[in-house]
Structures are given as structure tokens and as C-alpha cells.
Amino acid sequence: MIFKLNYPDKQTAIADLIDKKIIDEEFNYLKGTHSVVEIGKIVSIPATFDDDGELLTEPIYHDGYAYDVMSEQDIVFESEIFPKHPKHSFGL
């Protein structure tokens, strides 16, 4: 199963992944976990730059901090999202 997750911040994400026994404190995979991908903050509007590479406008980010998880387990995540245009996918 593949889960796309969005948390308020990285610390909350890691705590939840540990609590749900996806990873341990050393970030080792547990009980059927095949992959955990830290996506991080996702850009909704990219930064802009002038012709000399100088920053004109800062990027704007979606709310939250994203992770993708691939696991054999059917896990209930309160943070699961279903994006129409995901920024990451697993090549299956």
C-alpha cells in the first residue's frame, strides 16, 4: 500500500511514523515497511529570478510537511492526503 501523508511539521511526522511502527528511532524500517520518502515542504508557487539570477520573489509553499510511505500493512493515517497531481510517485 502507498500512503501520501501531510503533517504540520517534520517532528510531528517522525513521531507519528515511530508511533505507528513504520520506523524506529534510528529510522530503520519496521513491520513490512518498504520505503519512507521525505518529501518535505511542497512548492505551490515557485520563486522568481531576474536575468542575473537574483531572487525577485520567494517561493510559496503548501501547508504542511509531506512524506510518502510504501508498506505491506494497511495503516490508518489521520494525515493521509489524496493529491490530484502528486510531486512524487513510486515506480512500480
N, C-alpha and C. Protein backbone atom coordinates (compact mmCIF):
# COMPACT_ATOMS: atom_id res chain seq x y z
N MET A 1 0.85 -1.18 0.00
CA MET A 1 0.00 0.00 0.00
C MET A 1 0.89 1.24 0.00
N ILE A 2 0.41 2.25 -0.68
CA ILE A 2 1.14 3.52 -0.74
C ILE A 2 0.31 4.58 -0.05
N PHE A 3 0.98 5.34 0.82
CA PHE A 3 0.32 6.40 1.57
C PHE A 3 1.03 7.72 1.30
N LYS A 4 0.26 8.74 1.01
CA LYS A 4 0.77 10.10 0.88
C LYS A 4 0.29 10.84 2.12
N LEU A 5 1.25 11.38 2.86
CA LEU A 5 0.94 11.94 4.17
C LEU A 5 1.37 13.40 4.25
N ASN A 6 0.60 14.18 4.99
CA ASN A 6 0.92 15.58 5.19
C ASN A 6 0.75 15.91 6.67
N TYR A 7 1.80 16.40 7.27
CA TYR A 7 1.84 16.72 8.71
C TYR A 7 2.10 18.21 8.90
N PRO A 8 1.83 18.73 10.09
CA PRO A 8 2.12 20.14 10.34
C PRO A 8 3.61 20.46 10.23
N ASP A 9 4.49 19.50 10.63
CA ASP A 9 5.93 19.73 10.58
C ASP A 9 6.65 18.38 10.59
N LYS A 10 7.96 18.42 10.38
CA LYS A 10 8.77 17.21 10.30
C LYS A 10 8.75 16.43 11.61
N GLN A 11 8.83 17.12 12.75
CA GLN A 11 8.87 16.45 14.04
C GLN A 11 7.59 15.65 14.30
N THR A 12 6.45 16.22 13.95
CA THR A 12 5.17 15.54 14.11
C THR A 12 5.12 14.30 13.21
N ALA A 13 5.63 14.43 11.99
CA ALA A 13 5.65 13.31 11.05
C ALA A 13 6.47 12.15 11.60
N ILE A 14 7.68 12.44 12.02
CA ILE A 14 8.56 11.39 12.52
C ILE A 14 7.95 10.73 13.75
N ALA A 15 7.39 11.51 14.65
CA ALA A 15 6.75 10.95 15.85
C ALA A 15 5.61 10.01 15.47
N ASP A 16 4.81 10.37 14.49
CA ASP A 16 3.70 9.53 14.06
C ASP A 16 4.20 8.25 13.39
N LEU A 17 5.22 8.36 12.55
CA LEU A 17 5.78 7.18 11.89
C LEU A 17 6.38 6.21 12.91
N ILE A 18 6.99 6.73 13.95
CA ILE A 18 7.52 5.89 15.03
C ILE A 18 6.36 5.27 15.82
N ASP A 19 5.37 6.08 16.14
CA ASP A 19 4.21 5.60 16.91
C ASP A 19 3.47 4.49 16.17
N LYS A 20 3.37 4.61 14.86
CA LYS A 20 2.66 3.60 14.06
C LYS A 20 3.57 2.44 13.67
N LYS A 21 4.79 2.44 14.20
CA LYS A 21 5.77 1.37 13.97
C LYS A 21 6.10 1.18 12.49
N ILE A 22 6.19 2.29 11.78
CA ILE A 22 6.67 2.30 10.41
C ILE A 22 8.20 2.33 10.43
N ILE A 23 8.75 3.15 11.34
CA ILE A 23 10.19 3.26 11.54
C ILE A 23 10.48 3.22 13.04
N ASP A 24 11.76 3.00 13.37
CA ASP A 24 12.16 3.14 14.77
C ASP A 24 12.90 4.46 14.94
N GLU A 25 13.43 4.70 16.13
CA GLU A 25 14.10 5.98 16.43
C GLU A 25 15.35 6.22 15.56
N GLU A 26 15.93 5.13 15.04
CA GLU A 26 17.11 5.26 14.16
C GLU A 26 16.71 5.31 12.69
N PHE A 27 15.42 5.38 12.42
CA PHE A 27 14.85 5.44 11.07
C PHE A 27 14.99 4.12 10.32
N ASN A 28 15.11 3.00 11.05
CA ASN A 28 15.07 1.67 10.44
C ASN A 28 13.62 1.32 10.14
N TYR A 29 13.38 0.69 9.00
CA TYR A 29 12.02 0.29 8.63
C TYR A 29 11.56 -0.88 9.50
N LEU A 30 10.28 -0.87 9.87
CA LEU A 30 9.68 -1.92 10.70
C LEU A 30 8.49 -2.54 10.00
N LYS A 31 8.07 -3.69 10.43
CA LYS A 31 6.88 -4.47 10.08
C LYS A 31 6.32 -4.26 8.66
N GLY A 32 7.06 -4.69 7.68
CA GLY A 32 6.55 -4.64 6.32
C GLY A 32 6.71 -3.31 5.61
N THR A 33 7.45 -2.39 6.20
CA THR A 33 7.70 -1.11 5.54
C THR A 33 8.74 -1.32 4.44
N HIS A 34 8.44 -0.85 3.24
CA HIS A 34 9.36 -0.97 2.12
C HIS A 34 10.07 0.34 1.81
N SER A 35 9.41 1.46 2.07
CA SER A 35 10.03 2.74 1.76
C SER A 35 9.36 3.87 2.53
N VAL A 36 10.18 4.83 2.95
CA VAL A 36 9.69 6.07 3.55
C VAL A 36 10.45 7.19 2.85
N VAL A 37 9.72 8.05 2.16
CA VAL A 37 10.34 9.14 1.40
C VAL A 37 9.94 10.47 2.02
N GLU A 38 10.95 11.21 2.45
CA GLU A 38 10.71 12.56 2.99
C GLU A 38 10.59 13.52 1.81
N ILE A 39 9.39 14.00 1.58
CA ILE A 39 9.13 14.95 0.50
C ILE A 39 9.45 16.37 0.99
N GLY A 40 9.06 16.66 2.22
CA GLY A 40 9.32 17.97 2.80
C GLY A 40 8.22 18.97 2.45
N LYS A 41 8.61 20.22 2.37
CA LYS A 41 7.66 21.27 2.02
C LYS A 41 7.51 21.29 0.50
N ILE A 42 6.28 21.39 0.05
CA ILE A 42 5.99 21.36 -1.39
C ILE A 42 5.69 22.77 -1.89
N VAL A 43 6.37 23.14 -2.94
CA VAL A 43 6.21 24.48 -3.52
C VAL A 43 4.89 24.55 -4.29
N SER A 44 4.10 25.57 -3.97
CA SER A 44 2.87 25.80 -4.75
C SER A 44 3.09 26.87 -5.81
N ILE A 45 3.92 27.87 -5.50
CA ILE A 45 4.29 28.90 -6.49
C ILE A 45 5.80 29.07 -6.41
N PRO A 46 6.52 28.75 -7.49
CA PRO A 46 7.98 28.82 -7.45
C PRO A 46 8.50 30.24 -7.27
N ALA A 47 9.73 30.32 -6.77
CA ALA A 47 10.42 31.61 -6.69
C ALA A 47 10.65 32.14 -8.10
N THR A 48 10.81 33.44 -8.20
CA THR A 48 11.17 34.04 -9.50
C THR A 48 12.52 34.74 -9.35
N PHE A 49 13.25 34.78 -10.49
CA PHE A 49 14.59 35.36 -10.51
C PHE A 49 14.72 36.28 -11.72
N ASP A 50 15.59 37.27 -11.59
CA ASP A 50 15.84 38.13 -12.74
C ASP A 50 16.90 37.47 -13.63
N ASP A 51 17.28 38.15 -14.71
CA ASP A 51 18.21 37.58 -15.68
C ASP A 51 19.60 37.32 -15.09
N ASP A 52 19.92 37.98 -13.98
CA ASP A 52 21.22 37.78 -13.32
C ASP A 52 21.15 36.73 -12.23
N GLY A 53 19.99 36.11 -12.07
CA GLY A 53 19.84 35.07 -11.05
C GLY A 53 19.51 35.60 -9.67
N GLU A 54 19.22 36.89 -9.58
CA GLU A 54 18.84 37.48 -8.29
C GLU A 54 17.38 37.16 -7.98
N LEU A 55 17.12 36.80 -6.74
CA LEU A 55 15.78 36.44 -6.31
C LEU A 55 14.85 37.65 -6.36
N LEU A 56 13.73 37.50 -7.05
CA LEU A 56 12.73 38.57 -7.10
C LEU A 56 11.60 38.30 -6.11
N THR A 57 11.09 37.07 -6.11
CA THR A 57 10.02 36.72 -5.17
C THR A 57 10.32 35.35 -4.57
N GLU A 58 10.06 35.23 -3.30
CA GLU A 58 10.25 33.96 -2.58
C GLU A 58 9.22 32.94 -3.05
N PRO A 59 9.55 31.66 -2.95
CA PRO A 59 8.55 30.64 -3.27
C PRO A 59 7.44 30.62 -2.22
N ILE A 60 6.29 30.15 -2.61
CA ILE A 60 5.18 29.97 -1.67
C ILE A 60 4.94 28.47 -1.57
N TYR A 61 4.79 28.00 -0.33
CA TYR A 61 4.66 26.57 -0.08
C TYR A 61 3.25 26.20 0.35
N HIS A 62 2.86 24.96 0.01
CA HIS A 62 1.63 24.41 0.55
C HIS A 62 1.82 24.24 2.06
N ASP A 63 0.73 24.21 2.80
CA ASP A 63 0.81 23.97 4.23
C ASP A 63 1.30 22.56 4.48
N GLY A 64 2.10 22.39 5.51
CA GLY A 64 2.47 21.07 5.97
C GLY A 64 3.82 20.58 5.48
N TYR A 65 4.12 19.35 5.91
CA TYR A 65 5.38 18.68 5.62
C TYR A 65 5.03 17.27 5.16
N ALA A 66 5.47 16.88 3.98
CA ALA A 66 4.98 15.65 3.34
C ALA A 66 5.96 14.48 3.43
N TYR A 67 5.38 13.29 3.55
CA TYR A 67 6.09 12.01 3.47
C TYR A 67 5.27 11.07 2.61
N ASP A 68 5.96 10.16 1.91
CA ASP A 68 5.30 9.05 1.23
C ASP A 68 5.80 7.76 1.87
N VAL A 69 4.89 6.83 2.08
CA VAL A 69 5.23 5.55 2.71
C VAL A 69 4.72 4.41 1.84
N MET A 70 5.56 3.39 1.65
CA MET A 70 5.13 2.16 0.99
C MET A 70 5.26 1.05 2.04
N SER A 71 4.14 0.36 2.30
CA SER A 71 4.12 -0.66 3.34
C SER A 71 3.20 -1.81 2.95
N GLU A 72 3.49 -2.98 3.48
CA GLU A 72 2.60 -4.13 3.32
C GLU A 72 1.38 -4.00 4.23
N GLN A 73 1.48 -3.18 5.25
CA GLN A 73 0.42 -3.04 6.24
C GLN A 73 -0.66 -2.05 5.77
N ASP A 74 -1.88 -2.34 6.14
CA ASP A 74 -2.98 -1.38 5.91
C ASP A 74 -3.10 -0.55 7.18
N ILE A 75 -2.59 0.66 7.12
CA ILE A 75 -2.48 1.51 8.29
C ILE A 75 -3.43 2.68 8.16
N VAL A 76 -4.06 3.07 9.25
CA VAL A 76 -4.92 4.25 9.25
C VAL A 76 -4.06 5.45 9.65
N PHE A 77 -3.92 6.37 8.72
CA PHE A 77 -3.19 7.62 8.96
C PHE A 77 -4.20 8.76 8.98
N GLU A 78 -4.20 9.53 10.04
CA GLU A 78 -5.06 10.72 10.10
C GLU A 78 -4.54 11.80 9.16
N SER A 79 -3.28 11.68 8.78
CA SER A 79 -2.62 12.69 7.95
C SER A 79 -2.62 12.33 6.46
N GLU A 80 -3.33 11.26 6.06
CA GLU A 80 -3.30 10.84 4.66
C GLU A 80 -4.01 11.85 3.77
N ILE A 81 -3.40 12.11 2.62
CA ILE A 81 -3.98 13.03 1.63
C ILE A 81 -4.07 12.31 0.29
N PHE A 82 -4.83 12.88 -0.62
CA PHE A 82 -5.04 12.29 -1.94
C PHE A 82 -4.87 13.38 -3.00
N PRO A 83 -3.61 13.77 -3.27
CA PRO A 83 -3.37 14.86 -4.23
C PRO A 83 -3.72 14.46 -5.67
N LYS A 84 -4.24 15.42 -6.41
CA LYS A 84 -4.56 15.19 -7.82
C LYS A 84 -3.30 15.13 -8.68
N HIS A 85 -2.29 15.89 -8.29
CA HIS A 85 -1.03 15.94 -9.04
C HIS A 85 0.13 15.76 -8.08
N PRO A 86 0.40 14.52 -7.66
CA PRO A 86 1.47 14.31 -6.67
C PRO A 86 2.83 14.70 -7.20
N LYS A 87 3.69 15.16 -6.30
CA LYS A 87 5.06 15.56 -6.65
C LYS A 87 6.01 14.38 -6.68
N HIS A 88 5.58 13.26 -6.12
CA HIS A 88 6.42 12.06 -6.06
C HIS A 88 5.55 10.83 -6.26
N SER A 89 6.12 9.82 -6.91
CA SER A 89 5.42 8.54 -7.02
C SER A 89 6.47 7.43 -6.99
N PHE A 90 6.03 6.26 -6.59
CA PHE A 90 6.90 5.09 -6.58
C PHE A 90 6.79 4.42 -7.94
N GLY A 91 7.90 4.06 -8.53
CA GLY A 91 7.89 3.34 -9.80
C GLY A 91 7.60 1.87 -9.54
N LEU A 92 6.40 1.46 -9.82
CA LEU A 92 6.03 0.07 -9.56
C LEU A 92 5.93 -0.73 -10.83
